[in-house]
C-alpha atoms as a PDB file:
ATOM      1  CA  MET A   1       0.000   0.000   0.000  1.00  0.00           C
ATOM      2  CA  ASP A   2       2.852   2.403   0.818  1.00  0.00           C
ATOM      3  CA  LEU A   3       4.486   1.870  -2.583  1.00  0.00           C
ATOM      4  CA  GLN A   4       1.183   2.309  -4.409  1.00  0.00           C
ATOM      5  CA  PHE A   5       0.517   5.531  -2.483  1.00  0.00           C
ATOM      6  CA  TYR A   6       3.841   7.160  -3.384  1.00  0.00           C
ATOM      7  CA  GLU A   7       3.724   5.974  -6.997  1.00  0.00           C
ATOM      8  CA  THR A   8       0.243   7.454  -7.352  1.00  0.00           C
ATOM      9  CA  LEU A   9       1.306  10.659  -5.622  1.00  0.00           C
ATOM     10  CA  GLU A  10       4.282  10.959  -8.004  1.00  0.00           C
ATOM     11  CA  LYS A  11       1.924  10.887 -10.983  1.00  0.00           C
ATOM     12  CA  ARG A  12      -0.093  13.850  -9.704  1.00  0.00           C
ATOM     13  CA  CYS A  13       2.474  16.141  -8.061  1.00  0.00           C
ATOM     14  CA  GLU A  14       6.164  16.806  -7.510  1.00  0.00           C
ATOM     15  CA  LEU A  15       7.478  14.763  -4.594  1.00  0.00           C
ATOM     16  CA  SER A  16       9.442  16.278  -1.751  1.00  0.00           C
ATOM     17  CA  LYS A  17      12.936  14.967  -1.015  1.00  0.00           C
ATOM     18  CA  VAL A  18      11.577  12.888   1.864  1.00  0.00           C
ATOM     19  CA  GLU A  19       8.778  11.471  -0.293  1.00  0.00           C
ATOM     20  CA  SER A  20      11.217  10.606  -3.084  1.00  0.00           C
ATOM     21  CA  GLY A  21      13.400   8.776  -0.581  1.00  0.00           C
ATOM     22  CA  ARG A  22      10.459   6.768   0.687  1.00  0.00           C
ATOM     23  CA  LEU A  23       9.395   5.898  -2.849  1.00  0.00           C
ATOM     24  CA  HIS A  24      12.910   4.647  -3.621  1.00  0.00           C
ATOM     25  CA  THR A  25      12.945   2.534  -0.440  1.00  0.00           C
ATOM     26  CA  TYR A  26       9.558   0.959  -1.126  1.00  0.00           C
ATOM     27  CA  ARG A  27      10.413   0.270  -4.763  1.00  0.00           C
ATOM     28  CA  ASN A  28      13.670  -1.395  -3.760  1.00  0.00           C
ATOM     29  CA  GLY A  29      11.871  -3.560  -1.208  1.00  0.00           C
ATOM     30  CA  PHE A  30       9.182  -4.511  -3.708  1.00  0.00           C
ATOM     31  CA  THR A  31      11.824  -5.504  -6.273  1.00  0.00           C
ATOM     32  CA  GLY A  32      13.419  -7.768  -3.701  1.00  0.00           C
ATOM     33  CA  GLU A  33      10.116  -9.403  -2.796  1.00  0.00           C
ATOM     34  CA  CYS A  34       9.313 -10.000  -6.477  1.00  0.00           C
ATOM     35  CA  LEU A  35      12.674 -11.757  -6.868  1.00  0.00           C
ATOM     36  CA  TYR A  36      11.939 -13.848  -3.778  1.00  0.00           C
ATOM     37  CA  ASP A  37       8.595 -14.909  -5.267  1.00  0.00           C
ATOM     38  CA  GLN A  38      10.193 -15.713  -8.613  1.00  0.00           C
ATOM     39  CA  LEU A  39      12.884 -17.893  -7.056  1.00  0.00           C
ATOM     40  CA  PHE A  40      10.367 -19.698  -4.858  1.00  0.00           C
ATOM     41  CA  ASP A  41       8.186 -20.364  -7.900  1.00  0.00           C
ATOM     42  CA  GLU A  42      11.199 -21.842  -9.679  1.00  0.00           C
ATOM     43  CA  ALA A  43      12.170 -23.969  -6.678  1.00  0.00           C
ATOM     44  CA  GLY A  44       8.580 -25.164  -6.173  1.00  0.00           C
ATOM     45  CA  HIS A  45       6.400 -24.634  -3.118  1.00  0.00           C
ATOM     46  CA  GLU A  46       3.723 -27.306  -3.502  1.00  0.00           C
ATOM     47  CA  ASP A  47       4.549 -28.798  -0.077  1.00  0.00           C
ATOM     48  CA  VAL A  48       3.958 -25.643   1.976  1.00  0.00           C
ATOM     49  CA  LEU A  49       1.419 -22.892   2.547  1.00  0.00           C
ATOM     50  CA  ILE A  50       2.790 -19.380   2.060  1.00  0.00           C
ATOM     51  CA  TYR A  51       1.445 -16.108   3.435  1.00  0.00           C
ATOM     52  CA  ARG A  52       2.984 -12.969   1.936  1.00  0.00           C
ATOM     53  CA  ASP A  53       3.079  -9.370   3.121  1.00  0.00           C
ATOM     54  CA  LEU A  54       0.577  -9.460   5.972  1.00  0.00           C
ATOM     55  CA  TYR A  55      -0.101  -7.813   9.319  1.00  0.00           C
ATOM     56  CA  LEU A  56      -0.992  -9.887  12.376  1.00  0.00           C
ATOM     57  CA  GLN A  57      -2.726  -8.702  15.528  1.00  0.00           C
ATOM     58  CA  THR A  58      -1.134 -10.024  18.724  1.00  0.00           C
ATOM     59  CA  GLU A  59      -2.941  -8.773  21.802  1.00  0.00           C
ATOM     60  CA  ARG A  60      -2.585  -4.965  21.496  1.00  0.00           C
ATOM     61  CA  SER A  61       0.208  -4.855  18.921  1.00  0.00           C
ATOM     62  CA  VAL A  62       0.357  -5.414  15.162  1.00  0.00           C
ATOM     63  CA  THR A  63       3.389  -6.956  13.421  1.00  0.00           C
ATOM     64  CA  GLN A  64       4.228  -6.975   9.723  1.00  0.00           C
ATOM     65  CA  TYR A  65       5.530 -10.161   8.052  1.00  0.00           C
ATOM     66  CA  ASP A  66       7.151 -10.439   4.643  1.00  0.00           C
ATOM     67  CA  ALA A  67       6.556 -14.192   4.361  1.00  0.00           C
ATOM     68  CA  LEU A  68       5.299 -17.039   6.527  1.00  0.00           C
ATOM     69  CA  ILE A  69       5.989 -20.604   5.356  1.00  0.00           C
ATOM     70  CA  ILE A  70       3.721 -23.220   6.931  1.00  0.00           C
ATOM     71  CA  ASN A  71       3.611 -27.024   6.946  1.00  0.00           C
ATOM     72  CA  ASP A  72       2.853 -29.640   9.582  1.00  0.00           C
ATOM     73  CA  ASP A  73       6.174 -28.917  11.298  1.00  0.00           C
ATOM     74  CA  GLY A  74       5.219 -25.334  12.043  1.00  0.00           C
ATOM     75  CA  ILE A  75       5.984 -21.803  10.810  1.00  0.00           C
ATOM     76  CA  VAL A  76       9.138 -20.359   9.302  1.00  0.00           C
ATOM     77  CA  VAL A  77       9.351 -16.562   9.151  1.00  0.00           C
ATOM     78  CA  ASN A  78      11.228 -15.085   6.188  1.00  0.00           C
ATOM     79  CA  GLU A  79      12.284 -11.449   6.621  1.00  0.00           C
ATOM     80  CA  ILE A  80      13.194 -10.332   3.075  1.00  0.00           C
ATOM     81  CA  LYS A  81      15.917  -7.737   2.523  1.00  0.00           C
ATOM     82  CA  ASN A  82      17.093  -6.298  -0.781  1.00  0.00           C
ATOM     83  CA  TYR A  83      20.334  -4.893   0.624  1.00  0.00           C
ATOM     84  CA  THR A  84      23.212  -4.120  -1.734  1.00  0.00           C
ATOM     85  CA  GLY A  85      26.778  -3.189  -0.906  1.00  0.00           C
ATOM     86  CA  GLU A  86      29.040  -3.926   2.053  1.00  0.00           C
ATOM     87  CA  TYR A  87      27.595  -4.378   5.535  1.00  0.00           C
ATOM     88  CA  ARG A  88      29.095  -5.356   8.844  1.00  0.00           C
ATOM     89  CA  ILE A  89      27.778  -6.311  12.256  1.00  0.00           C
ATOM     90  CA  GLU A  90      29.663  -5.104  15.293  1.00  0.00           C
ATOM     91  CA  GLY A  91      28.447  -5.399  18.857  1.00  0.00           C
ATOM     92  CA  GLY A  92      25.012  -6.415  17.608  1.00  0.00           C
ATOM     93  CA  GLU A  93      24.625  -3.246  15.507  1.00  0.00           C
ATOM     94  CA  TRP A  94      24.449  -3.136  11.688  1.00  0.00           C
ATOM     95  CA  PHE A  95      26.565  -0.782   9.610  1.00  0.00           C
ATOM     96  CA  ARG A  96      26.798   0.083   5.914  1.00  0.00           C
ATOM     97  CA  ASN A  97      29.964   1.826   4.776  1.00  0.00           C
ATOM     98  CA  ASP A  98      30.840   2.493   8.449  1.00  0.00           C
ATOM     99  CA  ARG A  99      27.503   4.209   9.034  1.00  0.00           C
ATOM    100  CA  GLN A 100      25.025   2.596  11.404  1.00  0.00           C
ATOM    101  CA  ILE A 101      21.706   1.836   9.732  1.00  0.00           C
ATOM    102  CA  SER A 102      18.395   2.636  11.383  1.00  0.00           C
ATOM    103  CA  GLU A 103      16.998  -0.891  11.285  1.00  0.00           C
ATOM    104  CA  ASN A 104      18.456  -4.019  12.859  1.00  0.00           C
ATOM    105  CA  PRO A 105      17.320  -6.983  10.715  1.00  0.00           C
ATOM    106  CA  ALA A 106      18.227  -9.575  13.338  1.00  0.00           C
ATOM    107  CA  ALA A 107      16.213  -7.720  15.976  1.00  0.00           C
ATOM    108  CA  GLN A 108      13.278  -7.424  13.553  1.00  0.00           C
ATOM    109  CA  LEU A 109      13.327 -11.173  12.975  1.00  0.00           C
ATOM    110  CA  SER A 110      13.528 -11.869  16.698  1.00  0.00           C
ATOM    111  CA  ARG A 111      10.511  -9.637  17.416  1.00  0.00           C
ATOM    112  CA  ALA A 112       8.518 -11.213  14.580  1.00  0.00           C
ATOM    113  CA  THR A 113       9.152 -14.797  15.705  1.00  0.00           C
ATOM    114  CA  GLY A 114       8.506 -13.789  19.321  1.00  0.00           C
ATOM    115  CA  LYS A 115       5.014 -12.551  18.423  1.00  0.00           C
ATOM    116  CA  LEU A 116       4.217 -15.873  16.746  1.00  0.00           C
ATOM    117  CA  ILE A 117       5.471 -17.766  19.790  1.00  0.00           C
ATOM    118  CA  ARG A 118       3.068 -15.699  21.865  1.00  0.00           C
ATOM    119  CA  ILE A 119       0.197 -16.642  19.550  1.00  0.00           C
ATOM    120  CA  ARG A 120       1.156 -20.322  19.724  1.00  0.00           C
ATOM    121  CA  ASN A 121       1.412 -20.287  23.510  1.00  0.00           C
ATOM    122  CA  SER A 122      -1.923 -18.504  23.883  1.00  0.00           C
ATOM    123  CA  VAL A 123      -3.691 -21.544  22.401  1.00  0.00           C
ATOM    124  CA  ASN A 124      -1.383 -24.143  23.998  1.00  0.00           C
ATOM    125  CA  ALA A 125      -0.406 -25.498  20.588  1.00  0.00           C
ATOM    126  CA  GLY A 126       2.719 -27.508  19.864  1.00  0.00           C
ATOM    127  CA  PHE A 127       4.453 -26.559  16.640  1.00  0.00           C
ATOM    128  CA  ASN A 128       7.876 -25.163  15.775  1.00  0.00           C
ATOM    129  CA  ILE A 129       8.544 -21.507  15.023  1.00  0.00           C
ATOM    130  CA  SER A 130      11.788 -20.362  13.441  1.00  0.00           C
ATOM    131  CA  GLY A 131      12.995 -17.619  11.136  1.00  0.00           C
ATOM    132  CA  ARG A 132      15.546 -16.608   8.544  1.00  0.00           C
ATOM    133  CA  LEU A 133      16.806 -13.317   7.171  1.00  0.00           C
ATOM    134  CA  ILE A 134      16.655 -13.567   3.375  1.00  0.00           C
ATOM    135  CA  PHE A 135      19.089 -11.414   1.367  1.00  0.00           C
ATOM    136  CA  VAL A 136      18.001 -11.639  -2.253  1.00  0.00           C
ATOM    137  CA  SER A 137      20.670  -9.509  -3.929  1.00  0.00           C
ATOM    138  CA  ASP A 138      23.886 -11.084  -5.194  1.00  0.00           C
ATOM    139  CA  ASP A 139      25.539  -7.708  -4.505  1.00  0.00           C
ATOM    140  CA  PHE A 140      25.261  -8.082  -0.720  1.00  0.00           C
ATOM    141  CA  TYR A 141      28.391  -8.604   1.389  1.00  0.00           C
ATOM    142  CA  LEU A 142      28.523  -9.053   5.153  1.00  0.00           C
ATOM    143  CA  GLN A 143      31.250  -9.094   7.762  1.00  0.00           C
ATOM    144  CA  THR A 144      30.419  -9.911  11.363  1.00  0.00           C
ATOM    145  CA  ASP A 145      32.026 -10.433  14.740  1.00  0.00           C
ATOM    146  CA  ASP A 146      29.182 -12.828  15.630  1.00  0.00           C
ATOM    147  CA  ASP A 147      29.459 -16.136  13.794  1.00  0.00           C
ATOM    148  CA  SER A 148      26.102 -17.257  15.176  1.00  0.00           C
ATOM    149  CA  ILE A 149      24.355 -14.809  12.837  1.00  0.00           C
ATOM    150  CA  TRP A 150      25.085 -17.058   9.848  1.00  0.00           C
ATOM    151  CA  ARG A 151      22.565 -19.596  11.177  1.00  0.00           C
ATOM    152  CA  LYS A 152      19.858 -16.939  10.920  1.00  0.00           C
ATOM    153  CA  LEU A 153      20.395 -15.714   7.371  1.00  0.00           C
ATOM    154  CA  VAL A 154      20.291 -16.961   3.788  1.00  0.00           C
ATOM    155  CA  VAL A 155      22.254 -15.160   1.058  1.00  0.00           C
ATOM    156  CA  ARG A 156      21.472 -15.234  -2.649  1.00  0.00           C
ATOM    157  CA  MET A 157      23.888 -18.051  -3.584  1.00  0.00           C
ATOM    158  CA  ASP A 158      22.165 -20.359  -1.076  1.00  0.00           C
ATOM    159  CA  LEU A 159      18.601 -19.169  -1.601  1.00  0.00           C
ATOM    160  CA  LYS A 160      17.367 -21.750  -4.114  1.00  0.00           C
ATOM    161  CA  ARG A 161      18.877 -24.544  -2.040  1.00  0.00           C
ATOM    162  CA  TYR A 162      17.113 -23.157   1.019  1.00  0.00           C
ATOM    163  CA  MET A 163      13.788 -22.981  -0.788  1.00  0.00           C
ATOM    164  CA  ARG A 164      14.151 -26.522  -2.117  1.00  0.00           C
ATOM    165  CA  SER A 165      14.648 -27.703   1.480  1.00  0.00           C
ATOM    166  CA  PHE A 166      10.884 -27.340   2.006  1.00  0.00           C
ATOM    167  CA  ARG A 167      10.187 -30.067  -0.539  1.00  0.00           C
ATOM    168  CA  GLY A 168       8.774 -33.228   0.927  1.00  0.00           C
ATOM    169  CA  GLY A 169       7.037 -31.471   3.776  1.00  0.00           C
ATOM    170  CA  HIS A 170       3.458 -32.321   4.603  1.00  0.00           C
ATOM    171  CA  VAL A 171       0.454 -30.004   4.557  1.00  0.00           C
ATOM    172  CA  GLY A 172      -2.114 -31.867   6.615  1.00  0.00           C
ATOM    173  CA  ASN A 173      -4.523 -31.090   9.430  1.00  0.00           C
ATOM    174  CA  LYS A 174      -1.819 -29.512  11.582  1.00  0.00           C
ATOM    175  CA  ALA A 175      -0.761 -27.103   8.840  1.00  0.00           C
ATOM    176  CA  GLN A 176      -4.395 -26.197   8.210  1.00  0.00           C
ATOM    177  CA  TYR A 177      -4.850 -25.545  11.926  1.00  0.00           C
ATOM    178  CA  ILE A 178      -1.818 -23.249  11.964  1.00  0.00           C
ATOM    179  CA  ALA A 179      -3.106 -21.447   8.859  1.00  0.00           C
ATOM    180  CA  ARG A 180      -6.435 -20.793  10.619  1.00  0.00           C
ATOM    181  CA  LEU A 181      -4.609 -19.334  13.620  1.00  0.00           C
ATOM    182  CA  ILE A 182      -2.813 -16.958  11.268  1.00  0.00           C
ATOM    183  CA  SER A 183      -5.871 -16.078   9.154  1.00  0.00           C
ATOM    184  CA  GLU A 184      -7.927 -15.174  12.222  1.00  0.00           C
ATOM    185  CA  ARG A 185      -5.357 -12.551  13.202  1.00  0.00           C
ATOM    186  CA  ILE A 186      -4.766 -10.839   9.835  1.00  0.00           C
ATOM    187  CA  VAL A 187      -5.591  -7.120   9.935  1.00  0.00           C
ATOM    188  CA  GLU A 188      -5.196  -4.113   7.658  1.00  0.00           C
ATOM    189  CA  ASN A 189      -1.986  -2.116   7.881  1.00  0.00           C
ATOM    190  CA  PRO A 190      -2.649   0.191  10.861  1.00  0.00           C
ATOM    191  CA  TYR A 191       0.506   2.243  10.281  1.00  0.00           C
ATOM    192  CA  PHE A 192      -0.390   3.511   6.829  1.00  0.00           C
ATOM    193  CA  GLU A 193      -1.440   7.145   6.830  1.00  0.00           C
ATOM    194  CA  ALA A 194      -2.598   8.876   3.677  1.00  0.00           C
ATOM    195  CA  ASP A 195      -2.688  12.576   4.440  1.00  0.00           C
ATOM    196  CA  VAL A 196      -2.502  14.534   1.199  1.00  0.00           C
ATOM    197  CA  ASP A 197      -3.111  18.222   0.633  1.00  0.00           C
ATOM    198  CA  ALA A 198      -5.544  18.115  -2.277  1.00  0.00           C
ATOM    199  CA  GLU A 199      -4.234  21.474  -3.507  1.00  0.00           C
ATOM    200  CA  ARG A 200      -0.904  19.811  -4.410  1.00  0.00           C
ATOM    201  CA  LEU A 201      -2.515  17.391  -6.802  1.00  0.00           C
ATOM    202  CA  GLN A 202      -2.874  17.757 -10.551  1.00  0.00           C
ATOM    203  CA  LYS A 203      -6.586  17.430 -11.277  1.00  0.00           C
ATOM    204  CA  GLY A 204      -8.028  15.585 -14.246  1.00  0.00           C
ATOM    205  CA  PHE A 205      -6.932  12.461 -16.145  1.00  0.00           C
ATOM    206  CA  TYR A 206      -3.540  11.317 -17.415  1.00  0.00           C
ATOM    207  CA  CYS A 207      -2.421   9.022 -20.195  1.00  0.00           C
ATOM    208  CA  GLY A 208      -1.942   5.392 -19.187  1.00  0.00           C
ATOM    209  CA  ALA A 209       1.010   5.085 -21.581  1.00  0.00           C
ATOM    210  CA  CYS A 210       3.127   8.200 -20.998  1.00  0.00           C
ATOM    211  CA  GLY A 211       1.515   9.907 -17.989  1.00  0.00           C
ATOM    212  CA  SER A 212       0.720  13.166 -19.759  1.00  0.00           C
ATOM    213  CA  PHE A 213      -2.267  15.211 -18.571  1.00  0.00           C
ATOM    214  CA  SER A 214      -2.572  16.772 -22.030  1.00  0.00           C
ATOM    215  CA  LEU A 215      -5.631  14.916 -23.320  1.00  0.00           C
ATOM    216  CA  GLN A 216      -8.125  15.812 -26.016  1.00  0.00           C
ATOM    217  CA  LYS A 217     -11.773  14.825 -25.622  1.00  0.00           C
ATOM    218  CA  SER A 218     -13.520  12.831 -28.313  1.00  0.00           C
ATOM    219  CA  ARG A 219     -16.988  11.391 -27.956  1.00  0.00           C
ATOM    220  CA  PHE A 220     -16.160   8.171 -26.122  1.00  0.00           C
ATOM    221  CA  HIS A 221     -12.393   8.518 -25.570  1.00  0.00           C
ATOM    222  CA  LEU A 222      -9.648  10.826 -24.390  1.00  0.00           C
ATOM    223  CA  VAL A 223      -6.699  11.051 -26.775  1.00  0.00           C
ATOM    224  CA  CYS A 224      -3.189  11.857 -25.542  1.00  0.00           C
ATOM    225  CA  SER A 225      -1.644  14.875 -27.277  1.00  0.00           C
ATOM    226  CA  SER A 226       1.860  13.673 -26.378  1.00  0.00           C
ATOM    227  CA  CYS A 227       1.923  10.056 -27.577  1.00  0.00           C
ATOM    228  CA  GLY A 228      -1.388   9.552 -29.374  1.00  0.00           C
ATOM    229  CA  SER A 229      -2.733   6.850 -27.055  1.00  0.00           C
ATOM    230  CA  LYS A 230      -6.505   6.577 -26.982  1.00  0.00           C
ATOM    231  CA  GLU A 231      -8.342   5.377 -23.860  1.00  0.00           C
ATOM    232  CA  SER A 232     -12.046   5.152 -23.138  1.00  0.00           C
ATOM    233  CA  ASN A 233     -13.850   7.400 -20.683  1.00  0.00           C
ATOM    234  CA  GLU A 234     -14.470   4.358 -18.498  1.00  0.00           C
ATOM    235  CA  THR A 235     -10.777   3.432 -18.321  1.00  0.00           C
ATOM    236  CA  HIS A 236      -9.853   6.973 -17.287  1.00  0.00           C
ATOM    237  CA  LEU A 237     -12.583   7.079 -14.657  1.00  0.00           C
ATOM    238  CA  LEU A 238     -11.568   3.728 -13.170  1.00  0.00           C
ATOM    239  CA  ARG A 239      -7.928   4.846 -12.986  1.00  0.00           C
ATOM    240  CA  ALA A 240      -8.963   8.103 -11.325  1.00  0.00           C
ATOM    241  CA  LEU A 241     -11.153   6.224  -8.840  1.00  0.00           C
ATOM    242  CA  ALA A 242      -8.225   3.981  -7.935  1.00  0.00           C
ATOM    243  CA  ASP A 243      -5.989   7.054  -7.527  1.00  0.00           C
ATOM    244  CA  TYR A 244      -8.514   8.820  -5.321  1.00  0.00           C
ATOM    245  CA  GLN A 245      -8.959   5.837  -3.012  1.00  0.00           C
ATOM    246  CA  CYS A 246      -5.206   5.377  -2.747  1.00  0.00           C
ATOM    247  CA  LEU A 247      -4.418   9.030  -2.029  1.00  0.00           C
ATOM    248  CA  PHE A 248      -7.338   9.505   0.387  1.00  0.00           C
ATOM    249  CA  TYR A 249      -7.255   6.011   1.857  1.00  0.00           C
ATOM    250  CA  GLY A 250      -9.991   5.272   4.377  1.00  0.00           C
ATOM    251  CA  LYS A 251     -11.879   8.494   3.686  1.00  0.00           C
ATOM    252  CA  PRO A 252     -15.387   8.646   2.190  1.00  0.00           C
ATOM    253  CA  MET A 253     -15.712   9.675  -1.463  1.00  0.00           C
ATOM    254  CA  PRO A 254     -18.739  11.839  -2.282  1.00  0.00           C
ATOM    255  CA  SER A 255     -19.378  12.337  -5.997  1.00  0.00           C
ATOM    256  CA  ARG A 256     -18.769  16.084  -5.582  1.00  0.00           C
ATOM    257  CA  SER A 257     -15.227  15.476  -4.283  1.00  0.00           C
ATOM    258  CA  PHE A 258     -14.507  13.050  -7.097  1.00  0.00           C
ATOM    259  CA  MET A 259     -15.766  15.505  -9.712  1.00  0.00           C
ATOM    260  CA  GLU A 260     -13.329  18.094  -8.307  1.00  0.00           C
ATOM    261  CA  PHE A 261     -10.540  15.482  -8.385  1.00  0.00           C
ATOM    262  CA  ILE A 262     -11.031  14.862 -12.117  1.00  0.00           C
ATOM    263  CA  GLY A 263     -11.321  18.569 -12.856  1.00  0.00           C
ATOM    264  CA  TYR A 264     -14.883  18.147 -14.178  1.00  0.00           C
ATOM    265  CA  ARG A 265     -13.404  16.723 -17.403  1.00  0.00           C
ATOM    266  CA  LEU A 266     -16.434  14.476 -17.958  1.00  0.00           C
ATOM    267  CA  SER A 267     -20.102  15.116 -17.380  1.00  0.00           C
ATOM    268  CA  ARG A 268     -21.753  14.225 -14.103  1.00  0.00           C
ATOM    269  CA  ARG A 269     -24.044  11.835 -15.986  1.00  0.00           C
ATOM    270  CA  ILE A 270     -21.107   9.770 -17.314  1.00  0.00           C
ATOM    271  CA  VAL A 271     -19.371   9.808 -13.944  1.00  0.00           C
ATOM    272  CA  GLN A 272     -22.510   8.772 -12.085  1.00  0.00           C
ATOM    273  CA  ARG A 273     -23.037   5.784 -14.383  1.00  0.00           C
ATOM    274  CA  VAL A 274     -19.495   4.511 -13.736  1.00  0.00           C
ATOM    275  CA  LEU A 275     -19.798   5.114  -9.988  1.00  0.00           C
ATOM    276  CA  LEU A 276     -22.962   3.041  -9.796  1.00  0.00           C
ATOM    277  CA  GLU A 277     -21.500   0.249 -11.929  1.00  0.00           C
ATOM    278  CA  HIS A 278     -18.064  -0.089 -10.321  1.00  0.00           C
ATOM    279  CA  CYS A 279     -18.490   1.177  -6.759  1.00  0.00           C
ATOM    280  CA  ASP A 280     -20.224   0.131  -3.574  1.00  0.00           C
ATOM    281  CA  VAL A 281     -22.715   2.797  -2.512  1.00  0.00           C
ATOM    282  CA  ASP A 282     -23.130   3.986   1.078  1.00  0.00           C
ATOM    283  CA  LYS A 283     -26.088   6.227   1.849  1.00  0.00           C
ATOM    284  CA  LYS A 284     -26.194   8.023   5.187  1.00  0.00           C
ATOM    285  CA  GLY A 285     -28.936  10.578   5.465  1.00  0.00           C
ATOM    286  CA  ASN A 286     -28.544  13.122   2.692  1.00  0.00           C
ATOM    287  CA  GLN A 287     -24.954  12.123   1.887  1.00  0.00           C
ATOM    288  CA  THR A 288     -24.018   9.354  -0.535  1.00  0.00           C
ATOM    289  CA  THR A 289     -20.438   8.110  -0.766  1.00  0.00           C
ATOM    290  CA  TYR A 290     -18.760   5.554  -3.020  1.00  0.00           C
ATOM    291  CA  SER A 291     -15.900   3.047  -2.787  1.00  0.00           C
ATOM    292  CA  LEU A 292     -14.330   1.241  -5.724  1.00  0.00           C
ATOM    293  CA  LYS A 293     -15.034  -2.489  -5.702  1.00  0.00           C
ATOM    294  CA  TYR A 294     -11.593  -3.457  -7.006  1.00  0.00           C
ATOM    295  CA  ARG A 295      -8.138  -3.214  -5.442  1.00  0.00           C
ATOM    296  CA  ASN A 296      -6.070  -3.900  -8.537  1.00  0.00           C
ATOM    297  CA  PHE A 297      -6.841  -1.387 -11.282  1.00  0.00           C
ATOM    298  CA  GLU A 298      -4.550  -2.928 -13.914  1.00  0.00           C
ATOM    299  CA  GLU A 299      -5.816  -6.485 -13.512  1.00  0.00           C
ATOM    300  CA  LYS A 300      -9.449  -5.408 -13.451  1.00  0.00           C
ATOM    301  CA  THR A 301      -9.253  -3.169 -16.517  1.00  0.00           C
ATOM    302  CA  VAL A 302      -7.588  -5.942 -18.529  1.00  0.00           C
ATOM    303  CA  LYS A 303     -10.598  -8.144 -17.786  1.00  0.00           C
ATOM    304  CA  LEU A 304     -13.088  -5.356 -18.415  1.00  0.00           C
ATOM    305  CA  GLN A 305     -11.508  -4.522 -21.783  1.00  0.00           C
ATOM    306  CA  ARG A 306     -12.924  -7.782 -23.122  1.00  0.00           C
ATOM    307  CA  SER A 307     -16.452  -6.500 -22.520  1.00  0.00           C
ATOM    308  CA  TYR A 308     -15.905  -2.777 -23.193  1.00  0.00           C
ATOM    309  CA  LYS A 309     -17.802  -1.436 -26.180  1.00  0.00           C
ATOM    310  CA  TYR A 310     -15.069   1.197 -26.623  1.00  0.00           C
ATOM    311  CA  LYS A 311     -11.540  -0.212 -26.568  1.00  0.00           C
ATOM    312  CA  ASP A 312      -8.242   1.363 -25.496  1.00  0.00           C
ATOM    313  CA  TYR A 313      -5.383   1.851 -27.949  1.00  0.00           C
ATOM    314  CA  LEU A 314      -2.013   2.500 -26.294  1.00  0.00           C
ATOM    315  CA  THR A 315       1.040   3.480 -28.300  1.00  0.00           C
ATOM    316  CA  LYS A 316       3.521   2.137 -25.727  1.00  0.00           C
END
């Protein structure tokens, strides 16, 4: 959600230095997690259950997990890091180029496994809980004064071998029981805060191919003046709805606010039809608000294109 927020924000305004730094961090992390998924797909994961990128409620606290691997033996936590360059551990602290970094991956892993142990103990269950730090980049180098750390981490050259080690495991009643314990505690990210000054944002629609806001209106499409791409009114409205919900996450969306967001580029009649077709409607007294039914704009529009009367034509 954080990456999607900053990528959407970047499309509609100039990012501050802090925002640009966060976007870079989230993109780097996402790239690492995609590589992790790719390697696990190649190694095969038919003998385990995998939970990815989730938040678990434990008593009054919420903990984020990159990956949980489950079989009848128990749970293995994978904390995924896309670190590059030279790192060292000294006195339990992590450094990059002689500068201490703000996060301590080993401490993160310890806290994450500790929360799962608390969940297990709360139901008097008997299954194993362990964890590994996963470094997906082949440009990661580590020096340490603590040889015990090597038992807690997996580097790129050993990653496929590590993933293949889960072959032959069993996913039976015990694994299903563990999965239910996890599923019952999954919550939304409570730390995500979308607080955007609407005045910063570029209003209207932008081209799905090149990002330009310079669009010419035809009867059923908007045509990009920069690259010539041609997208239907419905595609543009769905993209704008997804942007609005991302930038103003958790806030109600009245049609008036959405019309302002798109700069009144399309008529209220066209907008209202799309809102009713693709949004859940919430009526409270005299106010009606809307929420888009879909989380993944790209995947949904690909499916909808098959039934659209007016197709999109992208030049890139």
